[in-house]
């Protein structure tokens, strides 16, 4: 989703013009960036935490040439989602797994015939008395 799509969705939902909504959305983003630059952290309840962290200098390898290169330290922005976001993403993952399992069951049923029934496995063979071993 793009900023333009976010603006359009919010604009339609709250009844403001797209121009006014775009201004509000941009001001929100600007405030987030400004807070990160000044305070290195911004916590948005029920959403998550953005934080500026320093990534240490390290040695890396150029994958094309194999040459070792020095990567200087730098600041990066990290994001840790809030509990509500985590729960909604887990629900999305759970539904995706259920759909995948349903597809796999349907494919397995199709491979075993169109009736949808799978053949039962034969019961395990019981050893005859001569095959049984006694450890007494």
N, C-alpha and C. Protein backbone atom coordinates (compact mmCIF):
# COMPACT_ATOMS: atom_id res chain seq x y z
N UNK A 1 0.85 -1.17 0.00
CA UNK A 1 0.00 0.00 0.00
C UNK A 1 0.90 1.23 0.00
N UNK A 2 0.51 2.22 -0.75
CA UNK A 2 1.29 3.46 -0.85
C UNK A 2 0.66 4.54 0.03
N UNK A 3 1.42 5.62 0.22
CA UNK A 3 0.89 6.74 1.00
C UNK A 3 -0.37 7.28 0.34
N UNK A 4 -0.38 7.32 -0.97
CA UNK A 4 -1.55 7.83 -1.70
C UNK A 4 -2.79 6.97 -1.40
N UNK A 5 -2.60 5.66 -1.34
CA UNK A 5 -3.72 4.75 -1.05
C UNK A 5 -4.18 4.91 0.41
N UNK A 6 -3.23 5.13 1.31
CA UNK A 6 -3.59 5.38 2.71
C UNK A 6 -4.43 6.64 2.80
N UNK A 7 -3.98 7.69 2.13
CA UNK A 7 -4.70 8.97 2.14
C UNK A 7 -6.11 8.79 1.60
N UNK A 8 -6.23 8.07 0.49
CA UNK A 8 -7.55 7.87 -0.12
C UNK A 8 -8.48 7.11 0.83
N UNK A 9 -7.98 6.06 1.45
CA UNK A 9 -8.79 5.25 2.37
C UNK A 9 -9.26 6.08 3.56
N UNK A 10 -8.33 6.82 4.18
CA UNK A 10 -8.69 7.64 5.34
C UNK A 10 -9.66 8.74 4.93
N UNK A 11 -9.39 9.36 3.81
CA UNK A 11 -10.25 10.44 3.31
C UNK A 11 -11.69 9.98 3.13
N UNK A 12 -11.86 8.81 2.53
CA UNK A 12 -13.20 8.26 2.32
C UNK A 12 -13.86 7.90 3.65
N UNK A 13 -13.07 7.42 4.59
CA UNK A 13 -13.61 6.96 5.87
C UNK A 13 -14.06 8.10 6.76
N UNK A 14 -13.31 9.21 6.79
CA UNK A 14 -13.66 10.29 7.71
C UNK A 14 -14.29 11.50 7.02
N UNK A 15 -14.37 11.48 5.71
CA UNK A 15 -15.08 12.54 4.99
C UNK A 15 -14.30 13.83 4.78
N UNK A 16 -12.97 13.77 4.89
CA UNK A 16 -12.15 14.95 4.58
C UNK A 16 -11.70 14.86 3.13
N UNK A 17 -11.27 15.99 2.60
CA UNK A 17 -10.73 15.96 1.23
C UNK A 17 -9.42 15.21 1.25
N UNK A 18 -9.04 14.68 0.10
CA UNK A 18 -7.77 13.97 0.00
C UNK A 18 -6.60 14.92 0.25
N UNK A 19 -6.75 16.17 -0.17
CA UNK A 19 -5.68 17.15 0.02
C UNK A 19 -5.44 17.40 1.51
N UNK A 20 -6.51 17.60 2.29
CA UNK A 20 -6.38 17.83 3.72
C UNK A 20 -5.87 16.57 4.42
N UNK A 21 -6.37 15.40 4.01
CA UNK A 21 -5.94 14.14 4.60
C UNK A 21 -4.47 13.90 4.32
N UNK A 22 -4.03 14.19 3.10
CA UNK A 22 -2.61 14.02 2.75
C UNK A 22 -1.73 14.88 3.64
N UNK A 23 -2.17 16.09 3.90
CA UNK A 23 -1.42 17.01 4.77
C UNK A 23 -1.30 16.43 6.19
N UNK A 24 -2.39 15.87 6.70
CA UNK A 24 -2.38 15.28 8.05
C UNK A 24 -1.46 14.06 8.10
N UNK A 25 -1.59 13.19 7.10
CA UNK A 25 -0.75 11.99 7.05
C UNK A 25 0.73 12.37 6.97
N UNK A 26 1.05 13.35 6.11
CA UNK A 26 2.44 13.77 5.97
C UNK A 26 2.97 14.37 7.26
N UNK A 27 2.14 15.18 7.94
CA UNK A 27 2.56 15.79 9.22
C UNK A 27 2.82 14.69 10.26
N UNK A 28 2.01 13.63 10.23
CA UNK A 28 2.20 12.51 11.15
C UNK A 28 3.54 11.84 10.88
N UNK A 29 3.83 11.55 9.62
CA UNK A 29 5.10 10.93 9.26
C UNK A 29 6.27 11.83 9.64
N UNK A 30 6.13 13.14 9.37
CA UNK A 30 7.19 14.09 9.71
C UNK A 30 7.45 14.11 11.21
N UNK A 31 6.38 14.04 12.00
CA UNK A 31 6.53 14.05 13.47
C UNK A 31 7.24 12.79 13.94
N UNK A 32 6.93 11.65 13.33
CA UNK A 32 7.60 10.39 13.68
C UNK A 32 9.09 10.50 13.39
N UNK A 33 9.44 10.97 12.20
CA UNK A 33 10.85 11.10 11.82
C UNK A 33 11.56 12.09 12.74
N UNK A 34 10.95 13.22 13.01
CA UNK A 34 11.56 14.23 13.86
C UNK A 34 11.80 13.70 15.27
N UNK A 35 10.85 12.95 15.80
CA UNK A 35 11.01 12.36 17.13
C UNK A 35 12.13 11.34 17.13
N UNK A 36 12.24 10.53 16.08
CA UNK A 36 13.32 9.55 16.00
C UNK A 36 14.69 10.24 15.96
N UNK A 37 14.78 11.33 15.22
CA UNK A 37 16.04 12.05 15.11
C UNK A 37 16.41 12.67 16.46
N UNK A 38 15.44 13.25 17.16
CA UNK A 38 15.71 13.94 18.42
C UNK A 38 15.83 12.98 19.61
N UNK A 39 14.88 12.06 19.73
CA UNK A 39 14.80 11.22 20.93
C UNK A 39 15.24 9.77 20.70
N UNK A 40 15.45 9.38 19.45
CA UNK A 40 15.89 8.03 19.08
C UNK A 40 14.84 6.96 19.37
N UNK A 41 13.64 7.34 19.77
CA UNK A 41 12.61 6.34 20.08
C UNK A 41 11.24 7.00 20.05
N UNK A 42 10.27 6.25 19.49
CA UNK A 42 8.88 6.69 19.56
C UNK A 42 8.01 5.46 19.75
N UNK A 43 7.17 5.52 20.77
CA UNK A 43 6.29 4.41 21.10
C UNK A 43 4.86 4.81 20.78
N UNK A 44 4.24 4.03 19.89
CA UNK A 44 2.85 4.27 19.51
C UNK A 44 2.02 3.13 20.07
N UNK A 45 1.27 3.41 21.13
CA UNK A 45 0.49 2.37 21.81
C UNK A 45 -0.40 1.62 20.82
N UNK A 46 -0.51 0.32 21.01
CA UNK A 46 -1.30 -0.58 20.16
C UNK A 46 -0.77 -0.66 18.73
N UNK A 47 0.40 -0.10 18.49
CA UNK A 47 1.00 -0.19 17.15
C UNK A 47 2.40 -0.78 17.25
N UNK A 48 3.30 -0.06 17.91
CA UNK A 48 4.65 -0.57 18.06
C UNK A 48 5.64 0.51 18.45
N UNK A 49 6.91 0.13 18.45
CA UNK A 49 7.98 1.04 18.86
C UNK A 49 9.00 1.15 17.73
N UNK A 50 9.27 2.38 17.31
CA UNK A 50 10.36 2.66 16.37
C UNK A 50 11.53 3.12 17.22
N UNK A 51 12.72 2.66 16.88
CA UNK A 51 13.89 3.04 17.67
C UNK A 51 15.10 3.17 16.75
N UNK A 52 15.93 4.18 17.03
CA UNK A 52 17.18 4.35 16.30
C UNK A 52 18.26 3.62 17.09
N UNK A 53 18.97 2.72 16.42
CA UNK A 53 20.05 1.98 17.06
C UNK A 53 21.31 2.12 16.23
N UNK A 54 22.45 2.00 16.93
CA UNK A 54 23.73 2.08 16.23
C UNK A 54 24.16 0.67 15.88
N UNK A 55 24.40 0.42 14.60
CA UNK A 55 24.91 -0.87 14.16
C UNK A 55 26.44 -0.75 14.13
N UNK A 56 27.10 -1.67 14.79
CA UNK A 56 28.56 -1.63 14.93
C UNK A 56 29.25 -1.84 13.58
N UNK A 57 30.47 -1.33 13.50
CA UNK A 57 31.30 -1.57 12.31
C UNK A 57 31.59 -3.06 12.22
N UNK A 58 31.76 -3.55 11.01
CA UNK A 58 32.01 -4.98 10.84
C UNK A 58 32.77 -5.24 9.56
N UNK A 59 33.27 -6.44 9.47
CA UNK A 59 33.93 -6.89 8.24
C UNK A 59 32.90 -7.69 7.45
N UNK A 60 32.87 -7.46 6.15
CA UNK A 60 31.94 -8.18 5.29
C UNK A 60 32.71 -8.65 4.07
N UNK A 61 32.01 -9.34 3.19
CA UNK A 61 32.64 -9.86 1.98
C UNK A 61 31.81 -9.45 0.78
N UNK A 62 32.49 -8.94 -0.23
CA UNK A 62 31.81 -8.59 -1.48
C UNK A 62 31.45 -9.91 -2.17
N UNK A 63 30.16 -10.21 -2.35
CA UNK A 63 29.78 -11.51 -2.92
C UNK A 63 30.25 -11.68 -4.37
N UNK A 64 30.44 -10.59 -5.08
CA UNK A 64 30.86 -10.69 -6.48
C UNK A 64 32.34 -11.04 -6.61
N UNK A 65 33.17 -10.39 -5.77
CA UNK A 65 34.61 -10.59 -5.91
C UNK A 65 35.20 -11.46 -4.80
N UNK A 66 34.48 -11.62 -3.71
CA UNK A 66 35.00 -12.37 -2.58
C UNK A 66 35.93 -11.54 -1.70
N UNK A 67 36.16 -10.29 -2.11
CA UNK A 67 37.07 -9.41 -1.38
C UNK A 67 36.46 -8.99 -0.04
N UNK A 68 37.29 -8.95 1.01
CA UNK A 68 36.82 -8.49 2.32
C UNK A 68 36.75 -6.98 2.30
N UNK A 69 35.63 -6.46 2.85
CA UNK A 69 35.46 -5.01 2.92
C UNK A 69 35.08 -4.62 4.33
N UNK A 70 35.41 -3.41 4.67
CA UNK A 70 35.10 -2.87 5.98
C UNK A 70 33.81 -2.07 5.88
N UNK A 71 32.83 -2.40 6.72
CA UNK A 71 31.56 -1.67 6.73
C UNK A 71 31.56 -0.81 7.99
N UNK A 72 31.45 0.52 7.83
CA UNK A 72 31.51 1.39 9.00
C UNK A 72 30.23 1.28 9.85
N UNK A 73 30.31 1.75 11.09
CA UNK A 73 29.12 1.76 11.94
C UNK A 73 28.11 2.73 11.33
N UNK A 74 26.85 2.48 11.63
CA UNK A 74 25.82 3.38 11.12
C UNK A 74 24.58 3.28 12.01
N UNK A 75 23.73 4.27 11.89
CA UNK A 75 22.47 4.28 12.61
C UNK A 75 21.39 3.66 11.74
N UNK A 76 20.56 2.82 12.36
CA UNK A 76 19.45 2.20 11.64
C UNK A 76 18.17 2.35 12.46
N UNK A 77 17.05 2.35 11.78
CA UNK A 77 15.76 2.41 12.46
C UNK A 77 15.22 0.99 12.58
N UNK A 78 14.84 0.61 13.80
CA UNK A 78 14.24 -0.70 14.01
C UNK A 78 12.78 -0.50 14.40
N UNK A 79 11.99 -1.54 14.20
CA UNK A 79 10.58 -1.48 14.58
C UNK A 79 10.21 -2.76 15.30
N UNK A 80 9.58 -2.62 16.44
CA UNK A 80 9.08 -3.77 17.19
C UNK A 80 7.57 -3.61 17.26
N UNK A 81 6.82 -4.50 16.63
CA UNK A 81 5.37 -4.36 16.63
C UNK A 81 4.77 -4.52 18.02
N UNK A 82 3.64 -3.85 18.25
CA UNK A 82 2.92 -3.96 19.51
C UNK A 82 2.16 -5.27 19.58
N UNK A 83 1.61 -5.54 20.76
CA UNK A 83 0.91 -6.81 21.00
C UNK A 83 -0.28 -7.00 20.06
N UNK A 84 -1.04 -5.94 19.85
CA UNK A 84 -2.22 -6.05 18.98
C UNK A 84 -1.82 -6.40 17.55
N UNK A 85 -0.78 -5.73 17.04
CA UNK A 85 -0.32 -6.02 15.69
C UNK A 85 0.21 -7.44 15.59
N UNK A 86 0.99 -7.86 16.58
CA UNK A 86 1.52 -9.22 16.61
C UNK A 86 0.39 -10.24 16.56
N UNK A 87 -0.66 -10.01 17.36
CA UNK A 87 -1.78 -10.95 17.42
C UNK A 87 -2.50 -11.02 16.08
N UNK A 88 -2.68 -9.88 15.43
CA UNK A 88 -3.38 -9.88 14.13
C UNK A 88 -2.54 -10.56 13.05
N UNK A 89 -1.23 -10.39 13.10
CA UNK A 89 -0.35 -11.05 12.13
C UNK A 89 -0.33 -12.55 12.38
N UNK A 90 -0.29 -12.95 13.66
CA UNK A 90 -0.35 -14.39 13.97
C UNK A 90 -1.65 -15.00 13.47
N UNK A 91 -2.75 -14.27 13.59
CA UNK A 91 -4.05 -14.76 13.10
C UNK A 91 -3.99 -14.93 11.58
N UNK A 92 -3.37 -13.99 10.89
CA UNK A 92 -3.19 -14.08 9.44
C UNK A 92 -2.38 -15.33 9.10
N UNK A 93 -1.33 -15.57 9.87
CA UNK A 93 -0.47 -16.74 9.65
C UNK A 93 -1.26 -18.03 9.91
N UNK A 94 -2.07 -18.04 10.98
CA UNK A 94 -2.87 -19.22 11.30
C UNK A 94 -3.85 -19.54 10.18
N UNK A 95 -4.51 -18.50 9.66
CA UNK A 95 -5.46 -18.72 8.55
C UNK A 95 -4.75 -19.22 7.30
N UNK A 96 -3.57 -18.68 7.02
CA UNK A 96 -2.81 -19.12 5.85
C UNK A 96 -2.42 -20.59 5.98
N UNK A 97 -2.03 -21.01 7.19
CA UNK A 97 -1.68 -22.41 7.43
C UNK A 97 -2.89 -23.31 7.25
N UNK A 98 -4.04 -22.87 7.75
CA UNK A 98 -5.27 -23.67 7.59
C UNK A 98 -5.62 -23.84 6.11
N UNK A 99 -5.49 -22.76 5.34
CA UNK A 99 -5.80 -22.82 3.91
C UNK A 99 -4.83 -23.76 3.20
N UNK A 100 -3.53 -23.68 3.56
CA UNK A 100 -2.53 -24.55 2.95
C UNK A 100 -2.83 -26.01 3.27
N UNK A 101 -3.17 -26.30 4.53
CA UNK A 101 -3.49 -27.67 4.92
C UNK A 101 -4.73 -28.18 4.19
N UNK A 102 -5.72 -27.32 4.02
CA UNK A 102 -6.94 -27.72 3.30
C UNK A 102 -6.62 -28.03 1.84
N UNK A 103 -5.75 -27.21 1.22
CA UNK A 103 -5.34 -27.47 -0.17
C UNK A 103 -4.60 -28.80 -0.26
N UNK A 104 -3.70 -29.03 0.71
CA UNK A 104 -2.93 -30.29 0.69
C UNK A 104 -3.85 -31.49 0.86
N UNK A 105 -4.85 -31.37 1.74
CA UNK A 105 -5.80 -32.48 1.92
C UNK A 105 -6.60 -32.71 0.64
N UNK A 106 -7.00 -31.63 -0.01
CA UNK A 106 -7.76 -31.75 -1.25
C UNK A 106 -6.91 -32.40 -2.34
N UNK A 107 -5.64 -32.00 -2.42
CA UNK A 107 -4.75 -32.59 -3.42
C UNK A 107 -4.52 -34.07 -3.13
N UNK A 108 -4.36 -34.42 -1.86
CA UNK A 108 -4.16 -35.83 -1.48
C UNK A 108 -5.39 -36.64 -1.81
N UNK A 109 -6.57 -36.08 -1.54
CA UNK A 109 -7.82 -36.79 -1.84
C UNK A 109 -7.97 -36.97 -3.34
N UNK A 110 -7.56 -35.97 -4.09
CA UNK A 110 -7.65 -36.05 -5.56
C UNK A 110 -6.72 -37.13 -6.09
N UNK A 111 -5.54 -37.27 -5.49
CA UNK A 111 -4.59 -38.27 -5.94
C UNK A 111 -5.06 -39.68 -5.58
N UNK A 112 -5.85 -39.81 -4.50
CA UNK A 112 -6.35 -41.10 -4.06
C UNK A 112 -7.70 -41.45 -4.67
N UNK A 113 -8.12 -40.72 -5.65
CA UNK A 113 -9.42 -40.97 -6.28
C UNK A 113 -10.35 -39.82 -5.96
N UNK A 114 -11.32 -39.65 -6.80
CA UNK A 114 -12.22 -38.51 -6.65
C UNK A 114 -13.24 -38.69 -5.55
N UNK A 115 -13.32 -39.88 -4.94
CA UNK A 115 -14.33 -40.11 -3.92
C UNK A 115 -14.04 -39.33 -2.64
N UNK A 116 -12.80 -38.92 -2.45
CA UNK A 116 -12.46 -38.18 -1.26
C UNK A 116 -12.14 -39.08 -0.09
N UNK A 117 -12.25 -40.40 -0.27
CA UNK A 117 -11.92 -41.33 0.81
C UNK A 117 -10.53 -41.89 0.57
N UNK A 118 -9.80 -42.00 1.64
CA UNK A 118 -8.48 -42.60 1.53
C UNK A 118 -8.55 -44.02 2.05
N UNK A 119 -7.75 -44.87 1.48
CA UNK A 119 -7.75 -46.27 1.89
C UNK A 119 -7.13 -46.37 3.28
N UNK A 120 -7.73 -47.21 4.11
CA UNK A 120 -7.21 -47.39 5.46
C UNK A 120 -5.97 -48.26 5.40
N UNK A 121 -5.03 -48.00 6.26
CA UNK A 121 -3.81 -48.80 6.31
C UNK A 121 -4.14 -50.16 6.89
N UNK A 122 -3.51 -51.22 6.37
CA UNK A 122 -3.79 -52.55 6.92
C UNK A 122 -3.28 -52.62 8.34
N UNK A 123 -3.92 -53.45 9.16
CA UNK A 123 -3.47 -53.55 10.56
C UNK A 123 -2.09 -54.18 10.60
N UNK A 124 -1.30 -53.83 11.63
CA UNK A 124 0.05 -54.40 11.70
C UNK A 124 -0.04 -55.91 11.91
N UNK A 125 0.89 -56.62 11.28
CA UNK A 125 0.90 -58.08 11.38
C UNK A 125 1.35 -58.48 12.78
N UNK A 126 0.67 -59.47 13.34
CA UNK A 126 1.07 -59.98 14.66
C UNK A 126 1.99 -61.16 14.43
N UNK A 127 3.09 -61.22 15.18
CA UNK A 127 4.03 -62.32 14.96
C UNK A 127 3.44 -63.65 15.42
N UNK A 128 3.79 -64.69 14.70
CA UNK A 128 3.35 -66.03 15.09
C UNK A 128 4.15 -66.46 16.31
N UNK A 129 3.68 -67.46 17.06
CA UNK A 129 4.42 -67.88 18.25
C UNK A 129 5.86 -68.24 17.96
N UNK A 130 6.15 -68.78 16.78
CA UNK A 130 7.55 -69.16 16.47
C UNK A 130 8.41 -67.92 16.23
N UNK A 131 7.78 -66.79 15.85
CA UNK A 131 8.53 -65.57 15.59
C UNK A 131 8.76 -64.78 16.87
N UNK A 132 7.96 -65.04 17.90
CA UNK A 132 8.09 -64.30 19.14
C UNK A 132 9.34 -64.75 19.89
N UNK A 133 9.96 -63.77 20.51
CA UNK A 133 11.18 -64.06 21.26
C UNK A 133 10.91 -63.88 22.73
N UNK A 134 11.37 -64.80 23.51
CA UNK A 134 11.19 -64.70 24.96
C UNK A 134 12.55 -64.38 25.57
N UNK A 135 12.55 -63.41 26.48
CA UNK A 135 13.79 -63.00 27.12
C UNK A 135 13.84 -63.46 28.57
N UNK A 136 13.15 -64.51 28.90
CA UNK A 136 13.13 -65.00 30.27
C UNK A 136 14.29 -65.90 30.54
